[in-house]
Amino acid sequence: MDMGYSIDRLSIGQKASFAKTITETDICLFAGVSGDINPAHLNEQYASQTFFKGRIAHGMLSASLISAVLGVQLPGTGTIYLGQDLKFLAPVRAGDTITATAEVSELHPEKNTAVLRTTCVNQEGVRVVEGWARVKPPLPEQPA
C-alpha cells in the first residue's frame, strides 16, 4: 500500500483539495450516523422558522470533508488526525458543492507533526468553514 507524505516530503504551502456536492441523502445519512436529528437539518417546516429560513446541512458534514483531504491526499494514507479547530461561517444546503482544502502551514519534524490551514468553500467561493488541523504524517518508508 502506498503511504502518504511523510514529514520529510511535506513543505510549507503544499495543498490539496476535495470537492463534493452535498445531497439530501448525505444529510439524512449523516443524521443517522451521527445521531444529530436536529430538525434544522431534517424538517423544512421547522427550519423555515429559523435564522437560516430553511434546512441546512450539519456543520460537521462539511467539516468531515477536511478529513477526506487529510486522510487520502495530504498528508494521505497513514496520517493520524490529532486535532481540529473549526469556525462555521455560513450555512450549507442540499445541492451546494463544497470544496475542502488543506494547506501545510507548520512542520515539526522533531515531533513528526504538521499543522494545516483548513477551509471549506461553496460553489460561489463563500467560505463556510475554516480552521486548523494538527496531524501526525506517516513515518518515512524504510528500505526493504
Protein backbone atom coordinates (compact mmCIF):
# COMPACT_ATOMS: atom_id res chain seq x y z
CA MET A 1 0.00 0.00 0.00
CA ASP A 2 1.32 3.44 -0.89
CA MET A 3 1.69 5.62 2.16
CA GLY A 4 1.04 9.35 2.17
CA TYR A 5 3.60 12.13 2.50
CA SER A 6 5.98 11.67 5.45
CA ILE A 7 7.14 14.80 7.29
CA ASP A 8 10.33 14.96 5.19
CA ARG A 9 8.22 15.10 1.99
CA LEU A 10 5.92 17.90 3.14
CA SER A 11 6.60 21.59 2.55
CA ILE A 12 5.05 24.84 3.75
CA GLY A 13 2.38 25.97 1.28
CA GLN A 14 1.73 22.47 -0.10
CA LYS A 15 -2.02 21.98 -0.50
CA ALA A 16 -4.71 19.58 -1.65
CA SER A 17 -8.48 19.75 -2.07
CA PHE A 18 -11.55 17.51 -2.25
CA ALA A 19 -14.96 18.60 -3.60
CA LYS A 20 -18.38 17.05 -3.08
CA THR A 21 -21.93 18.10 -3.84
CA ILE A 22 -23.99 17.71 -0.67
CA THR A 23 -27.23 15.81 -1.31
CA GLU A 24 -30.45 15.26 0.64
CA THR A 25 -29.29 11.67 1.09
CA ASP A 26 -25.96 12.82 2.58
CA ILE A 27 -27.81 14.96 5.14
CA CYS A 28 -30.18 12.15 6.13
CA LEU A 29 -27.42 9.56 6.34
CA PHE A 30 -25.22 11.92 8.37
CA ALA A 31 -28.13 12.47 10.78
CA GLY A 32 -28.48 8.71 11.19
CA VAL A 33 -24.77 8.03 11.62
CA SER A 34 -24.13 10.96 13.98
CA GLY A 35 -27.42 10.87 15.88
CA ASP A 36 -27.84 14.61 15.22
CA ILE A 37 -31.51 14.68 14.25
CA ASN A 38 -31.95 18.40 14.93
CA PRO A 39 -34.99 19.48 12.88
CA ALA A 40 -32.94 22.35 11.42
CA HIS A 41 -31.38 19.62 9.27
CA LEU A 42 -34.39 17.38 8.63
CA ASN A 43 -37.68 19.29 8.87
CA GLU A 44 -38.33 22.05 6.33
CA GLN A 45 -41.36 23.44 8.17
CA TYR A 46 -39.37 23.83 11.40
CA ALA A 47 -36.23 25.05 9.61
CA SER A 48 -38.15 27.72 7.68
CA GLN A 49 -38.84 29.43 11.01
CA THR A 50 -35.16 29.57 12.00
CA PHE A 51 -32.46 32.14 11.39
CA PHE A 52 -31.48 30.27 8.21
CA LYS A 53 -35.03 30.28 6.71
CA GLY A 54 -34.70 26.68 5.56
CA ARG A 55 -32.97 23.36 6.11
CA ILE A 56 -29.21 23.34 6.40
CA ALA A 57 -26.64 20.56 6.32
CA HIS A 58 -24.83 19.65 9.51
CA GLY A 59 -21.73 21.80 10.01
CA MET A 60 -19.76 18.67 10.80
CA LEU A 61 -20.79 17.15 7.47
CA SER A 62 -18.92 19.92 5.67
CA ALA A 63 -16.05 19.70 8.15
CA SER A 64 -15.80 15.94 7.55
CA LEU A 65 -14.65 16.67 4.00
CA ILE A 66 -11.45 18.03 5.59
CA SER A 67 -10.85 14.54 6.95
CA ALA A 68 -11.07 13.20 3.39
CA VAL A 69 -8.29 15.58 2.30
CA LEU A 70 -6.05 14.77 5.27
CA GLY A 71 -6.54 11.00 5.24
CA VAL A 72 -6.46 10.42 1.49
CA GLN A 73 -4.39 13.20 -0.12
CA LEU A 74 -2.32 15.41 2.19
CA PRO A 75 -0.56 14.02 4.08
CA GLY A 76 -2.61 10.99 2.96
CA THR A 77 -2.71 7.30 3.82
CA GLY A 78 -1.26 6.56 7.23
CA THR A 79 -1.93 10.05 8.64
CA ILE A 80 -3.20 10.30 12.21
CA TYR A 81 -5.64 13.19 12.76
CA LEU A 82 -4.71 14.68 16.15
CA GLY A 83 -6.99 17.69 16.39
CA GLN A 84 -9.01 20.35 14.63
CA ASP A 85 -10.14 23.90 15.43
CA LEU A 86 -13.19 24.94 13.41
CA LYS A 87 -15.30 28.00 12.77
CA PHE A 88 -18.62 27.63 10.95
CA LEU A 89 -19.11 30.76 8.86
CA ALA A 90 -22.06 30.18 6.52
CA PRO A 91 -24.81 27.60 6.02
CA VAL A 92 -24.57 24.71 3.58
CA ARG A 93 -27.69 23.41 1.88
CA ALA A 94 -28.51 20.35 -0.21
CA GLY A 95 -27.19 20.98 -3.71
CA ASP A 96 -24.17 23.03 -2.60
CA THR A 97 -20.79 21.84 -3.81
CA ILE A 98 -18.26 22.13 -1.02
CA THR A 99 -14.52 22.16 -1.66
CA ALA A 100 -12.35 21.34 1.35
CA THR A 101 -8.71 22.44 1.17
CA ALA A 102 -5.80 21.76 3.50
CA GLU A 103 -2.56 23.74 3.25
CA VAL A 104 0.60 22.95 5.20
CA SER A 105 1.42 25.89 7.46
CA GLU A 106 3.80 24.42 10.08
CA LEU A 107 6.13 21.43 10.19
CA HIS A 108 7.54 20.00 13.43
CA PRO A 109 9.88 17.17 12.38
CA GLU A 110 11.10 16.60 15.95
CA LYS A 111 7.55 15.59 16.92
CA ASN A 112 6.54 14.24 13.50
CA THR A 113 3.59 16.63 13.43
CA ALA A 114 2.25 19.17 10.96
CA VAL A 115 -0.32 21.95 11.18
CA LEU A 116 -2.52 22.62 8.17
CA ARG A 117 -4.85 25.52 7.48
CA THR A 118 -8.23 24.06 6.57
CA THR A 119 -11.05 25.72 4.65
CA CYS A 120 -14.32 24.73 3.02
CA VAL A 121 -15.89 26.94 0.37
CA ASN A 122 -19.11 26.57 -1.58
CA GLN A 123 -19.59 26.76 -5.34
CA GLU A 124 -19.78 30.55 -5.13
CA GLY A 125 -16.46 30.80 -3.31
CA VAL A 126 -18.11 31.63 0.02
CA ARG A 127 -16.06 30.33 2.93
CA VAL A 128 -18.36 28.09 5.01
CA VAL A 129 -15.80 26.52 7.39
CA GLU A 130 -12.27 27.47 8.36
CA GLY A 131 -9.77 26.28 10.92
CA TRP A 132 -6.53 24.48 11.66
CA ALA A 133 -5.75 20.77 11.78
CA ARG A 134 -2.88 19.08 13.58
CA VAL A 135 -1.76 15.73 12.17
CA LYS A 136 0.91 13.10 12.52
CA PRO A 137 2.02 12.19 8.99
CA PRO A 138 3.02 8.61 8.18
CA LEU A 139 6.58 7.66 9.01
CA PRO A 140 9.08 7.58 6.13
CA GLU A 141 9.15 4.26 4.34
CA GLN A 142 12.05 2.08 5.38
CA PRO A 143 14.14 0.35 2.71
CA ALA A 144 13.49 -3.39 2.46
